[in-house]
Amino acid sequence: MKARPWTALLHCILVSGLIVEAIEPVSTSLLLGTGAAMLGRKIYRYLYETCDENWVNFNATGLKYDLDTKLYGQHVAAQVILKAVTGFMKNENPKKPLVLSLHGWTGTGKNFVSQLIAENIYEKGMSSSFVHLFTATAHFPHEMHINTYKSQLQNWVKGNVTICPRSMFIFDEMDKMHPGLIDSIKPYLDFYESLDGVSYRQAIFIFLSNAGGENIVQVALDFWRDGREREEMQLKDLETALSLSVFNNRNSGFWHTGLIDKNLVDFFVPFLPLEYKHIVQCGLSEMVSKGHVPDKEVVEMMAHDLNYFPKEERVFSMQGCKVIPSRLDFYV
């Protein structure tokens, strides 16, 4: 194709990705100026994450599908999470931020659920600049610096919600976090229309903790010993005992904070201990994610070698699915 002179190219505009001839060259400069500006904004929004529907757009169907097909052995948590997040995201004028507290032993799926929520709200998932993950031992390691941490955390939350009202904040290892640290952001979780001109009502706060795990395990054991099906367990069977144990546990991170007595936590979500069959399901999924053809025999060999309790009956996994990625490599 013969190349056009640069003057002719000035008579072209970009429309829906196609180059077409401009109709009227008289107003070329105006069209180019306006079109270039509009095009520049479109390209910017396409290439760089912005706080709009292009990058922040809740997929309720996707969240339900992910919880149904990717989260194993957590029927109570899946039901609560789906209803809580869907109801909140569809509410155009929530009265307060959504505050979820996820509890259970390591490897039961708390971090994974946080990831699924993020993936179905933010185009970039956990990599989104609007998703903020804090880990107690990494970000707040020294109790002597608690006042500095409080100030930094308040500024971080306020600054990022100012940039994007639909921000998500995840606090891992709540059982290792100083209670006063969470109290410092309590006003942002409350029923205020705005604080210093900033509204926090569209934000999401998720707390992850091992605290209360013993109570959850005890309920699961009682159901098993009574010969009742795991799927019979409901939120009401776990929530009251869980919230009380978390509040009275000095190591919970919530100990004597204002979050519980002010009813600022919308749901305490229990994650049940996983059984052998759930470990196998996790193993098969991990094989697929690693690019292997799923081999049930290999996964069952790996699952059989893990630790379970009670010791004789080997009903519940002590490690859950968290160790599977590294353990599976040994068997493949």
Protein backbone atom coordinates (compact mmCIF):
# COMPACT_ATOMS: atom_id res chain seq x y z
CA MET A 1 0.00 0.00 0.00
CA LYS A 2 1.27 3.47 -0.96
CA ALA A 3 1.97 5.58 2.09
CA ARG A 4 -0.10 8.76 2.47
CA PRO A 5 1.57 12.14 3.05
CA TRP A 6 1.31 13.38 6.64
CA THR A 7 -1.14 16.12 5.62
CA ALA A 8 -3.59 13.52 4.39
CA LEU A 9 -3.26 11.59 7.62
CA LEU A 10 -4.44 14.68 9.49
CA HIS A 11 -7.80 14.15 7.76
CA CYS A 12 -8.26 10.82 9.47
CA ILE A 13 -9.88 10.12 12.83
CA LEU A 14 -10.01 6.96 14.88
CA VAL A 15 -13.53 5.58 15.22
CA SER A 16 -14.16 2.29 17.04
CA GLY A 17 -10.64 1.15 16.23
CA LEU A 18 -10.98 1.86 12.44
CA ILE A 19 -9.29 4.67 10.46
CA VAL A 20 -11.78 6.48 8.21
CA GLU A 21 -11.60 9.62 6.08
CA ALA A 22 -12.75 12.83 7.76
CA ILE A 23 -15.78 14.31 6.02
CA GLU A 24 -15.00 18.01 6.35
CA PRO A 25 -11.36 19.18 6.34
CA VAL A 26 -12.36 22.74 7.29
CA SER A 27 -12.80 21.80 10.97
CA THR A 28 -9.98 19.26 11.04
CA SER A 29 -8.07 20.98 13.81
CA LEU A 30 -11.14 21.16 16.05
CA LEU A 31 -12.01 17.55 15.41
CA LEU A 32 -8.47 16.46 16.02
CA GLY A 33 -8.25 18.40 19.26
CA THR A 34 -11.57 17.13 20.65
CA GLY A 35 -11.17 13.64 19.23
CA ALA A 36 -7.63 13.29 20.50
CA ALA A 37 -8.68 14.34 23.98
CA MET A 38 -11.59 11.90 24.03
CA LEU A 39 -9.45 9.17 22.55
CA GLY A 40 -6.73 9.88 25.07
CA ARG A 41 -9.17 9.52 27.95
CA LYS A 42 -10.53 6.28 26.52
CA ILE A 43 -7.06 4.85 26.04
CA TYR A 44 -6.08 5.93 29.54
CA ARG A 45 -9.16 4.25 31.07
CA TYR A 46 -8.43 1.15 29.02
CA LEU A 47 -4.76 0.90 29.97
CA TYR A 48 -4.77 2.30 33.51
CA GLU A 49 -7.05 1.20 36.32
CA THR A 50 -9.62 3.80 37.27
CA CYS A 51 -12.43 3.75 39.82
CA ASP A 52 -15.29 3.30 37.35
CA GLU A 53 -17.44 0.53 35.88
CA ASN A 54 -14.68 -0.45 33.44
CA TRP A 55 -12.51 -1.66 36.32
CA VAL A 56 -14.91 -1.99 39.27
CA ASN A 57 -18.01 -3.95 38.32
CA PHE A 58 -19.61 -6.61 40.51
CA ASN A 59 -20.32 -9.99 38.89
CA ALA A 60 -22.91 -11.70 41.11
CA THR A 61 -23.24 -14.69 38.78
CA GLY A 62 -19.48 -15.14 38.72
CA LEU A 63 -19.19 -15.03 42.49
CA LYS A 64 -21.91 -17.66 42.90
CA TYR A 65 -20.27 -19.90 40.31
CA ASP A 66 -16.85 -19.57 41.95
CA LEU A 67 -18.20 -20.30 45.44
CA ASP A 68 -20.15 -23.31 44.14
CA THR A 69 -17.33 -24.82 42.10
CA LYS A 70 -14.04 -23.71 43.65
CA LEU A 71 -14.67 -23.55 47.40
CA TYR A 72 -14.85 -27.02 48.97
CA GLY A 73 -16.60 -28.06 52.17
CA GLN A 74 -17.80 -24.60 53.17
CA HIS A 75 -21.53 -24.54 52.48
CA VAL A 76 -22.23 -22.19 55.41
CA ALA A 77 -19.52 -19.70 54.49
CA ALA A 78 -20.44 -19.80 50.78
CA GLN A 79 -24.08 -19.04 51.49
CA VAL A 80 -23.32 -16.18 53.89
CA ILE A 81 -20.65 -14.61 51.68
CA LEU A 82 -22.84 -14.72 48.56
CA LYS A 83 -25.84 -13.11 50.25
CA ALA A 84 -23.79 -10.53 52.15
CA VAL A 85 -21.66 -9.37 49.22
CA THR A 86 -24.47 -9.47 46.65
CA GLY A 87 -26.87 -7.57 48.88
CA PHE A 88 -24.26 -4.95 49.69
CA MET A 89 -23.06 -4.43 46.13
CA LYS A 90 -26.60 -4.08 44.78
CA ASN A 91 -27.53 -1.52 47.42
CA GLU A 92 -27.00 1.91 45.87
CA ASN A 93 -27.09 3.64 49.24
CA PRO A 94 -25.71 1.37 52.01
CA LYS A 95 -25.88 2.74 55.55
CA LYS A 96 -22.38 1.53 56.43
CA PRO A 97 -19.43 -0.32 54.90
CA LEU A 98 -19.65 -4.09 54.57
CA VAL A 99 -17.66 -5.69 57.41
CA LEU A 100 -17.03 -9.44 57.32
CA SER A 101 -15.06 -11.45 59.85
CA LEU A 102 -13.92 -14.85 58.55
CA HIS A 103 -12.92 -17.44 61.15
CA GLY A 104 -11.50 -20.94 61.04
CA TRP A 105 -8.36 -23.02 61.05
CA THR A 106 -5.56 -22.46 58.59
CA GLY A 107 -6.19 -23.95 55.16
CA THR A 108 -9.98 -23.86 55.29
CA GLY A 109 -10.38 -21.19 52.60
CA LYS A 110 -10.52 -17.75 54.26
CA ASN A 111 -7.85 -16.13 52.08
CA PHE A 112 -9.20 -17.93 49.03
CA VAL A 113 -12.70 -16.51 49.57
CA SER A 114 -11.25 -13.01 49.88
CA GLN A 115 -9.58 -13.58 46.53
CA LEU A 116 -12.84 -14.76 44.93
CA ILE A 117 -14.67 -11.67 46.19
CA ALA A 118 -11.96 -9.40 44.78
CA GLU A 119 -11.93 -11.20 41.44
CA ASN A 120 -15.66 -10.68 41.02
CA ILE A 121 -15.62 -6.98 41.89
CA TYR A 122 -12.34 -5.72 40.46
CA GLU A 123 -11.11 -6.38 36.93
CA LYS A 124 -7.58 -6.92 38.28
CA GLY A 125 -8.70 -8.96 41.29
CA MET A 126 -6.20 -9.00 44.14
CA SER A 127 -3.76 -7.04 41.97
CA SER A 128 -6.14 -4.09 41.87
CA SER A 129 -4.87 -0.84 43.33
CA PHE A 130 -8.21 -0.64 45.12
CA VAL A 131 -7.64 -3.87 47.09
CA HIS A 132 -5.42 -3.51 50.16
CA LEU A 133 -4.08 -6.51 52.08
CA PHE A 134 -2.58 -6.08 55.55
CA THR A 135 -0.87 -8.90 57.44
CA ALA A 136 -0.36 -8.36 61.16
CA THR A 137 3.13 -9.87 61.42
CA ALA A 138 4.37 -8.13 58.27
CA HIS A 139 2.80 -4.67 58.50
CA PHE A 140 2.34 -4.21 62.27
CA PRO A 141 5.07 -6.33 63.89
CA HIS A 142 6.08 -4.20 66.89
CA GLU A 143 3.63 -3.34 69.66
CA MET A 144 5.86 -0.45 70.76
CA HIS A 145 5.02 1.32 67.48
CA ILE A 146 1.26 0.92 67.84
CA ASN A 147 0.57 4.68 67.80
CA THR A 148 2.53 5.09 64.59
CA TYR A 149 0.69 2.15 63.04
CA LYS A 150 -2.67 3.68 64.03
CA SER A 151 -1.87 6.96 62.32
CA GLN A 152 -0.51 5.25 59.20
CA LEU A 153 -3.52 2.95 58.95
CA GLN A 154 -6.03 5.78 59.36
CA ASN A 155 -4.28 7.83 56.68
CA TRP A 156 -4.05 4.86 54.34
CA VAL A 157 -7.74 3.98 54.64
CA LYS A 158 -8.89 7.58 54.34
CA GLY A 159 -6.60 8.34 51.40
CA ASN A 160 -7.59 5.29 49.40
CA VAL A 161 -11.33 5.60 50.02
CA THR A 162 -11.02 9.22 48.88
CA ILE A 163 -9.49 7.94 45.63
CA CYS A 164 -12.00 5.11 45.22
CA PRO A 165 -15.08 4.80 47.49
CA ARG A 166 -15.42 1.16 46.41
CA SER A 167 -12.14 0.10 48.04
CA MET A 168 -11.56 -3.22 49.79
CA PHE A 169 -9.37 -3.69 52.87
CA ILE A 170 -8.34 -7.18 54.02
CA PHE A 171 -6.74 -7.72 57.43
CA ASP A 172 -5.08 -11.12 57.77
CA GLU A 173 -3.88 -12.67 61.05
CA MET A 174 -6.36 -10.71 63.14
CA ASP A 175 -5.57 -13.01 66.07
CA LYS A 176 -2.03 -11.53 66.05
CA MET A 177 -3.12 -7.90 65.75
CA HIS A 178 -3.17 -5.41 68.61
CA PRO A 179 -6.83 -4.61 69.49
CA GLY A 180 -6.14 -0.89 69.65
CA LEU A 181 -5.09 -0.92 66.00
CA ILE A 182 -8.51 -2.01 64.79
CA ASP A 183 -10.20 0.44 67.15
CA SER A 184 -8.34 3.21 65.33
CA ILE A 185 -10.41 2.59 62.18
CA LYS A 186 -13.68 1.90 64.00
CA PRO A 187 -15.21 5.26 62.96
CA TYR A 188 -14.76 4.27 59.31
CA LEU A 189 -16.86 1.13 59.88
CA ASP A 190 -19.72 2.91 61.60
CA PHE A 191 -23.04 4.35 60.41
CA TYR A 192 -21.68 7.79 59.52
CA GLU A 193 -22.74 9.49 56.33
CA SER A 194 -19.26 10.98 56.08
CA LEU A 195 -16.20 11.79 58.17
CA ASP A 196 -14.22 14.90 57.29
CA GLY A 197 -15.97 14.97 53.95
CA VAL A 198 -15.23 11.31 53.11
CA SER A 199 -17.91 8.63 52.92
CA TYR A 200 -16.84 5.06 53.72
CA ARG A 201 -20.23 3.47 53.10
CA GLN A 202 -19.26 1.76 49.83
CA ALA A 203 -16.04 0.24 51.14
CA ILE A 204 -15.55 -3.40 52.16
CA PHE A 205 -13.55 -4.53 55.20
CA ILE A 206 -12.66 -8.21 55.63
CA PHE A 207 -10.98 -9.61 58.74
CA LEU A 208 -9.34 -13.06 58.67
CA SER A 209 -8.58 -14.93 61.86
CA ASN A 210 -7.87 -18.36 63.30
CA ALA A 211 -9.56 -17.23 66.52
CA GLY A 212 -12.77 -19.09 67.26
CA GLY A 213 -11.56 -22.04 65.20
CA GLU A 214 -11.75 -24.35 68.21
CA ASN A 215 -15.45 -23.56 68.67
CA ILE A 216 -16.14 -24.26 65.01
CA VAL A 217 -14.28 -27.57 65.20
CA GLN A 218 -16.21 -28.55 68.33
CA VAL A 219 -19.55 -27.94 66.63
CA ALA A 220 -18.41 -29.97 63.61
CA LEU A 221 -17.27 -32.81 65.89
CA ASP A 222 -20.57 -32.77 67.77
CA PHE A 223 -22.50 -33.05 64.53
CA TRP A 224 -20.31 -35.94 63.39
CA ARG A 225 -20.57 -37.80 66.72
CA ASP A 226 -24.34 -37.38 66.70
CA GLY A 227 -24.47 -38.94 63.26
CA ARG A 228 -25.76 -35.74 61.66
CA GLU A 229 -24.80 -34.66 58.17
CA ARG A 230 -22.26 -31.89 57.77
CA GLU A 231 -24.61 -30.04 55.42
CA GLU A 232 -27.19 -29.76 58.23
CA MET A 233 -25.00 -27.19 59.98
CA GLN A 234 -26.29 -23.64 59.67
CA LEU A 235 -24.94 -20.23 60.56
CA LYS A 236 -27.12 -20.09 63.68
CA ASP A 237 -25.40 -23.23 64.98
CA LEU A 238 -22.05 -21.44 64.96
CA GLU A 239 -22.38 -17.65 64.95
CA THR A 240 -23.34 -16.88 68.56
CA ALA A 241 -20.70 -19.08 70.17
CA LEU A 242 -18.16 -17.83 67.63
CA SER A 243 -18.74 -14.13 68.25
CA LEU A 244 -18.62 -14.59 72.02
CA SER A 245 -15.44 -16.65 71.91
CA VAL A 246 -13.78 -14.11 69.65
CA PHE A 247 -14.79 -11.19 71.87
CA ASN A 248 -13.54 -12.87 75.04
CA ASN A 249 -10.35 -14.23 73.53
CA ARG A 250 -7.37 -12.00 74.38
CA ASN A 251 -5.58 -13.30 71.30
CA SER A 252 -8.42 -12.72 68.85
CA GLY A 253 -7.55 -9.16 67.79
CA PHE A 254 -11.14 -8.20 68.57
CA TRP A 255 -10.69 -8.47 72.33
CA HIS A 256 -12.66 -5.64 73.91
CA THR A 257 -12.70 -3.61 70.71
CA GLY A 258 -15.77 -1.59 69.88
CA LEU A 259 -16.51 -3.56 66.72
CA ILE A 260 -18.58 -6.22 68.44
CA ASP A 261 -20.47 -4.27 71.09
CA LYS A 262 -21.30 -1.61 68.49
CA ASN A 263 -22.50 -4.32 66.06
CA LEU A 264 -20.15 -3.10 63.35
CA VAL A 265 -19.30 -6.61 62.12
CA ASP A 266 -22.11 -7.57 59.75
CA PHE A 267 -21.30 -11.29 59.69
CA PHE A 268 -19.00 -13.60 61.60
CA VAL A 269 -18.41 -16.25 58.95
CA PRO A 270 -17.36 -19.72 60.15
CA PHE A 271 -15.10 -21.95 58.05
CA LEU A 272 -15.48 -25.63 58.91
CA PRO A 273 -12.59 -28.09 59.22
CA LEU A 274 -12.12 -29.97 55.96
CA GLU A 275 -12.61 -33.71 55.50
CA TYR A 276 -10.59 -36.15 53.44
CA LYS A 277 -12.90 -35.80 50.42
CA HIS A 278 -12.40 -32.03 50.39
CA ILE A 279 -8.62 -32.45 50.44
CA VAL A 280 -8.92 -34.69 47.38
CA GLN A 281 -11.02 -32.05 45.62
CA CYS A 282 -8.44 -29.38 46.41
CA GLY A 283 -5.67 -31.67 45.15
CA LEU A 284 -7.40 -32.34 41.83
CA SER A 285 -7.96 -28.60 41.30
CA GLU A 286 -4.33 -27.90 42.12
CA MET A 287 -3.17 -30.44 39.54
CA VAL A 288 -5.23 -28.66 36.90
CA SER A 289 -3.84 -25.25 37.93
CA LYS A 290 -0.32 -26.64 37.61
CA GLY A 291 -1.05 -27.83 34.09
CA HIS A 292 -1.25 -31.55 34.91
CA VAL A 293 -3.94 -34.00 33.91
CA PRO A 294 -5.87 -34.62 37.17
CA ASP A 295 -4.92 -38.01 38.61
CA LYS A 296 -7.16 -39.08 41.47
CA GLU A 297 -4.86 -41.92 42.48
CA VAL A 298 -1.93 -39.55 42.96
CA VAL A 299 -4.07 -37.03 44.86
CA GLU A 300 -5.53 -39.69 47.14
CA MET A 301 -2.02 -40.89 47.97
CA MET A 302 -1.05 -37.35 48.92
CA ALA A 303 -4.28 -36.79 50.90
CA HIS A 304 -3.88 -40.06 52.80
CA ASP A 305 -0.45 -39.02 54.09
CA LEU A 306 -1.71 -35.82 55.71
CA ASN A 307 -2.70 -35.58 59.38
CA TYR A 308 -6.31 -35.94 60.53
CA PHE A 309 -8.26 -35.90 63.80
CA PRO A 310 -9.66 -37.51 65.89
CA LYS A 311 -6.56 -39.67 65.63
CA GLU A 312 -8.30 -43.03 65.24
CA GLU A 313 -11.21 -41.97 63.03
CA ARG A 314 -9.21 -39.46 60.90
CA VAL A 315 -12.28 -37.35 60.07
CA PHE A 316 -10.98 -33.78 59.79
CA SER A 317 -7.77 -32.51 58.20
CA MET A 318 -5.39 -30.68 60.53
CA GLN A 319 -3.73 -28.75 57.69
CA GLY A 320 -6.53 -28.15 55.24
CA CYS A 321 -5.78 -27.24 51.63
CA LYS A 322 -3.03 -24.71 52.31
CA VAL A 323 -0.17 -27.23 52.15
CA ILE A 324 -1.40 -28.95 49.00
CA PRO A 325 0.52 -26.88 46.39
CA SER A 326 3.87 -27.79 47.96
CA ARG A 327 2.94 -31.34 49.02
CA LEU A 328 1.54 -32.27 45.63
CA ASP A 329 4.86 -31.57 43.91
CA PHE A 330 6.33 -34.47 45.89
CA TYR A 331 3.79 -36.96 44.47
CA VAL A 332 3.46 -35.81 40.88
